Amino acid sequence: MIAGSAGASLALLLERRKTAGVLLAGVGLVTLASEHRDKLGALYQKLPDYMEQGKRLLETASQLGEQVSQLAERRPG
């Protein structure tokens, strides 16, 4: 059921049927949460750390992109 709802949700989102896709994704997540409560609880506790790591990664990528852009502007030709 989880894999089926995830696949169908993806298909609906790709077809730009957002409401149905999000609803079906929710069904899959609820099913997953009901079967793996302990693992989901641990993930929930670690979520702020994952968000912070993602934020730092995006900031680093942005800075790198700016530096590449500046080097490309300075390059003759």
C-alpha atoms as a PDB file:
ATOM      1  CA  MET A   1       0.000   0.000   0.000  1.00  0.00           C
ATOM      2  CA  ILE A   2       2.823   2.396   0.838  1.00  0.00           C
ATOM      3  CA  ALA A   3       4.681   1.872  -2.426  1.00  0.00           C
ATOM      4  CA  GLY A   4       1.454   2.017  -4.428  1.00  0.00           C
ATOM      5  CA  SER A   5       0.327   5.273  -2.873  1.00  0.00           C
ATOM      6  CA  ALA A   6       3.798   6.780  -3.335  1.00  0.00           C
ATOM      7  CA  GLY A   7       3.894   5.802  -6.995  1.00  0.00           C
ATOM      8  CA  ALA A   8       0.360   6.981  -7.678  1.00  0.00           C
ATOM      9  CA  SER A   9       1.058  10.220  -5.819  1.00  0.00           C
ATOM     10  CA  LEU A  10       4.122  10.861  -7.957  1.00  0.00           C
ATOM     11  CA  ALA A  11       2.176  10.150 -11.129  1.00  0.00           C
ATOM     12  CA  LEU A  12      -0.587  12.550 -10.093  1.00  0.00           C
ATOM     13  CA  LEU A  13       1.895  15.265  -9.175  1.00  0.00           C
ATOM     14  CA  LEU A  14       3.642  14.876 -12.519  1.00  0.00           C
ATOM     15  CA  GLU A  15       0.249  15.264 -14.208  1.00  0.00           C
ATOM     16  CA  ARG A  16      -0.170  18.526 -12.262  1.00  0.00           C
ATOM     17  CA  ARG A  17      -3.015  17.179 -10.165  1.00  0.00           C
ATOM     18  CA  LYS A  18      -1.614  18.597  -6.938  1.00  0.00           C
ATOM     19  CA  THR A  19      -4.564  18.062  -4.612  1.00  0.00           C
ATOM     20  CA  ALA A  20      -4.999  14.392  -5.438  1.00  0.00           C
ATOM     21  CA  GLY A  21      -1.234  13.799  -5.391  1.00  0.00           C
ATOM     22  CA  VAL A  22      -0.746  15.408  -1.993  1.00  0.00           C
ATOM     23  CA  LEU A  23      -3.754  13.577  -0.577  1.00  0.00           C
ATOM     24  CA  LEU A  24      -2.436  10.228  -1.780  1.00  0.00           C
ATOM     25  CA  ALA A  25       1.036  11.017  -0.445  1.00  0.00           C
ATOM     26  CA  GLY A  26      -0.572  11.732   2.921  1.00  0.00           C
ATOM     27  CA  VAL A  27      -2.265   8.346   2.892  1.00  0.00           C
ATOM     28  CA  GLY A  28       1.080   6.686   2.256  1.00  0.00           C
ATOM     29  CA  LEU A  29       2.779   8.656   5.029  1.00  0.00           C
ATOM     30  CA  VAL A  30       0.039   7.861   7.540  1.00  0.00           C
ATOM     31  CA  THR A  31       0.290   4.176   6.671  1.00  0.00           C
ATOM     32  CA  LEU A  32       4.066   4.273   7.005  1.00  0.00           C
ATOM     33  CA  ALA A  33       3.825   6.106  10.332  1.00  0.00           C
ATOM     34  CA  SER A  34       1.354   3.606  11.738  1.00  0.00           C
ATOM     35  CA  GLU A  35       3.617   0.681  10.878  1.00  0.00           C
ATOM     36  CA  HIS A  36       6.924   2.213  12.037  1.00  0.00           C
ATOM     37  CA  ARG A  37       6.112   4.514  14.963  1.00  0.00           C
ATOM     38  CA  ASP A  38       9.433   4.074  16.767  1.00  0.00           C
ATOM     39  CA  LYS A  39      11.531   4.856  13.696  1.00  0.00           C
ATOM     40  CA  LEU A  40       9.360   7.838  12.802  1.00  0.00           C
ATOM     41  CA  GLY A  41       9.722   9.178  16.344  1.00  0.00           C
ATOM     42  CA  ALA A  42      13.504   8.976  16.115  1.00  0.00           C
ATOM     43  CA  LEU A  43      13.439  10.732  12.742  1.00  0.00           C
ATOM     44  CA  TYR A  44      11.205  13.454  14.171  1.00  0.00           C
ATOM     45  CA  GLN A  45      13.724  14.056  16.960  1.00  0.00           C
ATOM     46  CA  LYS A  46      16.587  14.399  14.451  1.00  0.00           C
ATOM     47  CA  LEU A  47      14.668  16.566  11.980  1.00  0.00           C
ATOM     48  CA  PRO A  48      16.022  19.940  13.238  1.00  0.00           C
ATOM     49  CA  ASP A  49      19.586  18.671  12.771  1.00  0.00           C
ATOM     50  CA  TYR A  50      18.808  17.503   9.240  1.00  0.00           C
ATOM     51  CA  MET A  51      17.235  20.866   8.439  1.00  0.00           C
ATOM     52  CA  GLU A  52      20.313  22.711   9.710  1.00  0.00           C
ATOM     53  CA  GLN A  53      22.648  20.496   7.667  1.00  0.00           C
ATOM     54  CA  GLY A  54      20.538  21.065   4.562  1.00  0.00           C
ATOM     55  CA  LYS A  55      20.561  24.804   5.144  1.00  0.00           C
ATOM     56  CA  ARG A  56      24.358  24.822   5.457  1.00  0.00           C
ATOM     57  CA  LEU A  57      24.697  22.749   2.292  1.00  0.00           C
ATOM     58  CA  LEU A  58      22.513  25.175   0.331  1.00  0.00           C
ATOM     59  CA  GLU A  59      24.432  28.175   1.674  1.00  0.00           C
ATOM     60  CA  THR A  60      27.739  26.580   0.651  1.00  0.00           C
ATOM     61  CA  ALA A  61      26.406  25.769  -2.808  1.00  0.00           C
ATOM     62  CA  SER A  62      25.151  29.328  -3.187  1.00  0.00           C
ATOM     63  CA  GLN A  63      28.518  30.780  -2.184  1.00  0.00           C
ATOM     64  CA  LEU A  64      30.292  28.460  -4.583  1.00  0.00           C
ATOM     65  CA  GLY A  65      27.948  29.507  -7.384  1.00  0.00           C
ATOM     66  CA  GLU A  66      28.647  33.176  -6.676  1.00  0.00           C
ATOM     67  CA  GLN A  67      32.397  32.591  -6.772  1.00  0.00           C
ATOM     68  CA  VAL A  68      32.159  30.721 -10.067  1.00  0.00           C
ATOM     69  CA  SER A  69      30.051  33.531 -11.492  1.00  0.00           C
ATOM     70  CA  GLN A  70      32.590  36.135 -10.391  1.00  0.00           C
ATOM     71  CA  LEU A  71      35.437  34.154 -11.921  1.00  0.00           C
ATOM     72  CA  ALA A  72      33.532  33.817 -15.181  1.00  0.00           C
ATOM     73  CA  GLU A  73      32.988  37.583 -15.302  1.00  0.00           C
ATOM     74  CA  ARG A  74      36.700  38.269 -14.813  1.00  0.00           C
ATOM     75  CA  ARG A  75      37.761  35.820 -17.492  1.00  0.00           C
ATOM     76  CA  PRO A  76      38.832  37.600 -20.679  1.00  0.00           C
ATOM     77  CA  GLY A  77      37.259  36.672 -23.930  1.00  0.00           C
END
